[in-house]
Amino acid sequence: MLRIITAFFMHNNETGPTLLELLLQLEGDIRGRLEPIRVTPLQAGVLSFLCLHVVLP
């Protein structure tokens, strides 16, 4: 199973960056936007999850 996942992320279609490279770039962009407000990606994810799953009376 790990080989399949690795092959999926490392496949390069010769027209641009791999999916793994895009994900790492996106993660860096997200960190850069959260850093000025001193929020970690984990904290932002938890807040996003809670906002989506809040139960109102």
N, C-alpha and C. Protein backbone atom coordinates (compact mmCIF):
# COMPACT_ATOMS: atom_id res chain seq x y z
N MET A 1 0.82 -1.19 0.00
CA MET A 1 0.00 0.00 0.00
C MET A 1 0.86 1.26 0.00
N LEU A 2 1.95 1.25 0.78
CA LEU A 2 2.83 2.41 0.84
C LEU A 2 3.45 2.70 -0.52
N ARG A 3 3.77 1.67 -1.29
CA ARG A 3 4.33 1.88 -2.63
C ARG A 3 3.34 2.59 -3.53
N ILE A 4 2.08 2.24 -3.43
CA ILE A 4 1.06 2.87 -4.26
C ILE A 4 0.94 4.35 -3.90
N ILE A 5 0.91 4.64 -2.60
CA ILE A 5 0.80 6.03 -2.15
C ILE A 5 2.03 6.82 -2.58
N THR A 6 3.20 6.24 -2.40
CA THR A 6 4.43 6.91 -2.80
C THR A 6 4.46 7.18 -4.30
N ALA A 7 4.06 6.18 -5.09
CA ALA A 7 4.02 6.37 -6.53
C ALA A 7 3.03 7.45 -6.92
N PHE A 8 1.91 7.52 -6.24
CA PHE A 8 0.91 8.55 -6.54
C PHE A 8 1.47 9.94 -6.29
N PHE A 9 2.14 10.14 -5.17
CA PHE A 9 2.67 11.45 -4.84
C PHE A 9 3.90 11.81 -5.66
N MET A 10 4.68 10.82 -6.05
CA MET A 10 5.93 11.11 -6.74
C MET A 10 5.81 11.07 -8.25
N HIS A 11 4.64 10.74 -8.79
CA HIS A 11 4.46 10.68 -10.24
C HIS A 11 4.59 12.08 -10.83
N ASN A 12 5.45 12.22 -11.81
CA ASN A 12 5.65 13.51 -12.45
C ASN A 12 5.20 13.38 -13.89
N ASN A 13 4.23 14.18 -14.28
CA ASN A 13 3.70 14.09 -15.62
C ASN A 13 4.49 14.94 -16.60
N GLU A 14 5.64 15.42 -16.22
CA GLU A 14 6.58 16.19 -17.04
C GLU A 14 6.01 17.54 -17.51
N THR A 15 4.87 17.95 -16.98
CA THR A 15 4.32 19.24 -17.36
C THR A 15 4.33 20.21 -16.19
N GLY A 16 4.73 19.77 -15.03
CA GLY A 16 4.74 20.66 -13.87
C GLY A 16 5.19 19.92 -12.64
N PRO A 17 5.02 20.57 -11.50
CA PRO A 17 5.44 19.95 -10.23
C PRO A 17 4.57 18.74 -9.87
N THR A 18 5.14 17.87 -9.06
CA THR A 18 4.40 16.70 -8.60
C THR A 18 3.36 17.12 -7.58
N LEU A 19 2.44 16.23 -7.29
CA LEU A 19 1.40 16.52 -6.31
C LEU A 19 2.02 16.79 -4.94
N LEU A 20 3.04 16.05 -4.59
CA LEU A 20 3.72 16.27 -3.31
C LEU A 20 4.32 17.67 -3.25
N GLU A 21 4.95 18.10 -4.33
CA GLU A 21 5.53 19.44 -4.36
C GLU A 21 4.45 20.51 -4.22
N LEU A 22 3.31 20.31 -4.87
CA LEU A 22 2.20 21.26 -4.76
C LEU A 22 1.65 21.31 -3.34
N LEU A 23 1.52 20.14 -2.70
CA LEU A 23 1.03 20.11 -1.32
C LEU A 23 1.98 20.80 -0.37
N LEU A 24 3.28 20.60 -0.56
CA LEU A 24 4.26 21.26 0.30
C LEU A 24 4.25 22.76 0.08
N GLN A 25 4.08 23.20 -1.16
CA GLN A 25 3.99 24.63 -1.45
C GLN A 25 2.75 25.24 -0.80
N LEU A 26 1.63 24.54 -0.90
CA LEU A 26 0.39 25.01 -0.29
C LEU A 26 0.53 25.10 1.23
N GLU A 27 1.16 24.09 1.82
CA GLU A 27 1.36 24.08 3.27
C GLU A 27 2.21 25.27 3.69
N GLY A 28 3.24 25.59 2.91
CA GLY A 28 4.07 26.75 3.21
C GLY A 28 3.30 28.06 3.09
N ASP A 29 2.44 28.15 2.07
CA ASP A 29 1.61 29.34 1.90
C ASP A 29 0.66 29.52 3.09
N ILE A 30 0.07 28.42 3.53
CA ILE A 30 -0.86 28.48 4.67
C ILE A 30 -0.12 28.92 5.93
N ARG A 31 1.05 28.34 6.16
CA ARG A 31 1.83 28.74 7.34
C ARG A 31 2.17 30.22 7.30
N GLY A 32 2.52 30.71 6.11
CA GLY A 32 2.87 32.12 5.96
C GLY A 32 1.70 33.04 6.28
N ARG A 33 0.49 32.62 5.93
CA ARG A 33 -0.69 33.44 6.20
C ARG A 33 -1.09 33.38 7.68
N LEU A 34 -0.83 32.26 8.33
CA LEU A 34 -1.23 32.11 9.73
C LEU A 34 -0.20 32.68 10.71
N GLU A 35 1.05 32.78 10.28
CA GLU A 35 2.11 33.22 11.17
C GLU A 35 1.88 34.62 11.76
N PRO A 36 1.45 35.62 10.97
CA PRO A 36 1.26 36.95 11.56
C PRO A 36 0.21 36.99 12.67
N ILE A 37 -0.77 36.09 12.61
CA ILE A 37 -1.79 36.09 13.67
C ILE A 37 -1.51 35.04 14.73
N ARG A 38 -0.31 34.46 14.68
CA ARG A 38 0.19 33.51 15.66
C ARG A 38 -0.74 32.33 15.88
N VAL A 39 -1.18 31.73 14.75
CA VAL A 39 -2.03 30.54 14.79
C VAL A 39 -1.30 29.43 14.04
N THR A 40 -1.24 28.25 14.65
CA THR A 40 -0.61 27.13 13.98
C THR A 40 -1.60 26.48 13.02
N PRO A 41 -1.10 25.73 12.02
CA PRO A 41 -2.01 25.02 11.13
C PRO A 41 -2.94 24.06 11.88
N LEU A 42 -2.46 23.44 12.95
CA LEU A 42 -3.30 22.54 13.73
C LEU A 42 -4.43 23.31 14.40
N GLN A 43 -4.13 24.45 14.99
CA GLN A 43 -5.16 25.26 15.62
C GLN A 43 -6.20 25.71 14.59
N ALA A 44 -5.74 26.13 13.41
CA ALA A 44 -6.66 26.56 12.36
C ALA A 44 -7.55 25.41 11.91
N GLY A 45 -6.97 24.21 11.82
CA GLY A 45 -7.75 23.05 11.42
C GLY A 45 -8.81 22.69 12.45
N VAL A 46 -8.46 22.76 13.72
CA VAL A 46 -9.42 22.46 14.78
C VAL A 46 -10.55 23.48 14.78
N LEU A 47 -10.21 24.75 14.65
CA LEU A 47 -11.24 25.78 14.60
C LEU A 47 -12.16 25.61 13.39
N SER A 48 -11.58 25.27 12.27
CA SER A 48 -12.37 25.03 11.05
C SER A 48 -13.32 23.85 11.26
N PHE A 49 -12.81 22.77 11.84
CA PHE A 49 -13.63 21.59 12.10
C PHE A 49 -14.78 21.93 13.03
N LEU A 50 -14.47 22.64 14.11
CA LEU A 50 -15.50 22.99 15.07
C LEU A 50 -16.57 23.90 14.45
N CYS A 51 -16.16 24.83 13.61
CA CYS A 51 -17.13 25.73 12.96
C CYS A 51 -18.05 24.95 12.02
N LEU A 52 -17.53 23.93 11.37
CA LEU A 52 -18.34 23.14 10.45
C LEU A 52 -19.26 22.17 11.16
N HIS A 53 -18.94 21.79 12.39
CA HIS A 53 -19.69 20.77 13.08
C HIS A 53 -20.40 21.27 14.34
N VAL A 54 -20.57 22.57 14.45
CA VAL A 54 -21.24 23.11 15.61
C VAL A 54 -22.74 22.78 15.52
N VAL A 55 -23.31 22.44 16.66
CA VAL A 55 -24.73 22.11 16.72
C VAL A 55 -25.44 23.24 17.44
N LEU A 56 -26.30 23.92 16.73
CA LEU A 56 -27.05 25.01 17.33
C LEU A 56 -28.37 24.50 17.88
N PRO A 57 -28.80 25.03 19.03
CA PRO A 57 -30.06 24.55 19.62
C PRO A 57 -31.27 24.99 18.82
